[in-house]
Amino acid sequence: MGTFKDEKDVIVGSAKEKIGEWTNNEELEKSGKEQALEGRIGQERREQRVDDLDRQNDERDARQDRTTPETLGHEELLSEDHPDQNKITSTERRDADQLKHYTGIEDKL
């Protein structure tokens, strides 16, 4: 995956190199090798940059995923530092209500 210019350089450079070999023109062959190499280097840089951006996006998405109420512990969720303080999931609320009911705490309160 590279730019059109990089792909063109690889193709044209390879063609120049072959034509230089067939015609015994060392200068054309050398020029073709250099052009093809420049194109491959450009493609590799582009691929590396795309990989870096993908990795950064994955890391950002992972950080966002960790801060959802479902992934936080009850203590973190109720902490003062968290912007969604005092919010608990419906599952946690249901579990707490069931615990109160089964232990008889509701009657004593």
Protein backbone atom coordinates (compact mmCIF):
# COMPACT_ATOMS: atom_id res chain seq x y z
CA MET A 1 0.00 0.00 0.00
CA GLY A 2 1.71 3.11 -1.16
CA THR A 3 1.07 6.23 -3.11
CA PHE A 4 0.64 6.17 -6.84
CA LYS A 5 4.05 7.85 -7.24
CA ASP A 6 5.77 5.13 -5.22
CA GLU A 7 4.12 2.38 -7.22
CA LYS A 8 5.01 4.16 -10.46
CA ASP A 9 8.64 4.49 -9.36
CA VAL A 10 8.85 0.76 -8.62
CA ILE A 11 7.35 -0.21 -11.99
CA VAL A 12 9.24 2.33 -14.09
CA GLY A 13 12.48 1.66 -12.20
CA SER A 14 12.17 -2.08 -12.75
CA ALA A 15 11.45 -1.51 -16.44
CA LYS A 16 14.49 0.77 -16.79
CA GLU A 17 16.62 -1.82 -15.03
CA LYS A 18 15.53 -4.62 -17.40
CA ILE A 19 15.95 -2.45 -20.48
CA GLY A 20 19.41 -1.47 -19.25
CA GLU A 21 20.31 -5.15 -18.83
CA TRP A 22 19.06 -6.06 -22.33
CA THR A 23 20.81 -3.16 -24.02
CA ASN A 24 23.99 -3.38 -21.91
CA ASN A 25 23.39 0.20 -20.75
CA GLU A 26 24.81 0.25 -17.23
CA GLU A 27 23.76 3.84 -16.58
CA LEU A 28 20.10 3.10 -17.40
CA GLU A 29 20.24 -0.09 -15.32
CA LYS A 30 21.69 1.79 -12.35
CA SER A 31 19.12 4.58 -12.71
CA GLY A 32 16.32 1.99 -12.79
CA LYS A 33 17.59 0.23 -9.66
CA GLU A 34 17.74 3.54 -7.78
CA GLN A 35 14.26 4.58 -8.88
CA ALA A 36 12.77 1.21 -7.94
CA LEU A 37 14.52 1.34 -4.56
CA GLU A 38 13.15 4.84 -3.89
CA GLY A 39 9.65 3.60 -4.70
CA ARG A 40 9.97 0.62 -2.36
CA ILE A 41 11.30 2.85 0.43
CA GLY A 42 8.35 5.21 -0.06
CA GLN A 43 5.93 2.29 0.11
CA GLU A 44 7.54 0.99 3.31
CA ARG A 45 7.36 4.44 4.92
CA ARG A 46 3.71 4.74 4.01
CA GLU A 47 2.95 1.26 5.38
CA GLN A 48 4.82 2.04 8.61
CA ARG A 49 2.89 5.29 9.04
CA VAL A 50 -0.44 3.53 8.47
CA ASP A 51 0.52 0.83 10.99
CA ASP A 52 1.48 3.50 13.54
CA LEU A 53 -1.83 5.30 13.08
CA ASP A 54 -3.76 2.03 13.39
CA ARG A 55 -1.91 1.21 16.61
CA GLN A 56 -2.63 4.68 18.02
CA ASN A 57 -6.32 4.34 17.17
CA ASP A 58 -6.44 0.90 18.78
CA GLU A 59 -4.82 2.24 21.94
CA ARG A 60 -7.23 5.19 22.06
CA ASP A 61 -10.21 2.88 21.59
CA ALA A 62 -8.91 0.56 24.32
CA ARG A 63 -8.60 3.48 26.75
CA GLN A 64 -12.15 4.56 25.99
CA ASP A 65 -13.42 1.02 26.41
CA ARG A 66 -11.86 0.74 29.88
CA THR A 67 -13.76 3.74 31.18
CA THR A 68 -17.29 2.52 30.52
CA PRO A 69 -19.41 1.86 33.61
CA GLU A 70 -19.63 -1.82 32.78
CA THR A 71 -15.84 -2.26 32.90
CA LEU A 72 -15.19 -0.23 36.04
CA GLY A 73 -15.34 -1.76 39.47
CA HIS A 74 -17.95 -0.62 41.97
CA GLU A 75 -15.34 1.30 44.00
CA GLU A 76 -14.02 3.11 40.93
CA LEU A 77 -17.51 3.88 39.77
CA LEU A 78 -18.42 5.55 43.05
CA SER A 79 -15.12 7.38 43.47
CA GLU A 80 -15.00 11.16 43.42
CA ASP A 81 -12.41 11.21 40.62
CA HIS A 82 -14.65 9.52 38.10
CA PRO A 83 -17.01 11.82 36.16
CA ASP A 84 -19.86 9.31 36.36
CA GLN A 85 -19.78 9.15 40.13
CA ASN A 86 -22.71 7.70 42.01
CA LYS A 87 -23.88 5.87 38.90
CA ILE A 88 -24.11 2.12 39.00
CA THR A 89 -25.26 -0.25 36.31
CA SER A 90 -28.69 -1.79 36.44
CA THR A 91 -27.08 -5.19 37.02
CA GLU A 92 -25.20 -3.91 40.08
CA ARG A 93 -28.36 -2.25 41.41
CA ARG A 94 -30.35 -5.48 40.97
CA ASP A 95 -27.63 -7.52 42.69
CA ALA A 96 -27.56 -5.11 45.62
CA ASP A 97 -31.35 -5.24 45.97
CA GLN A 98 -31.32 -9.03 45.91
CA LEU A 99 -28.59 -9.10 48.54
CA LYS A 100 -30.61 -6.81 50.80
CA HIS A 101 -33.70 -8.96 50.35
CA TYR A 102 -31.94 -12.27 51.03
CA THR A 103 -30.10 -11.03 54.10
CA GLY A 104 -33.14 -9.35 55.60
CA ILE A 105 -31.43 -6.00 55.81
CA GLU A 106 -34.51 -4.25 54.41
CA ASP A 107 -36.55 -5.28 57.42
CA LYS A 108 -33.99 -3.89 59.83
CA LEU A 109 -33.66 -0.56 58.03
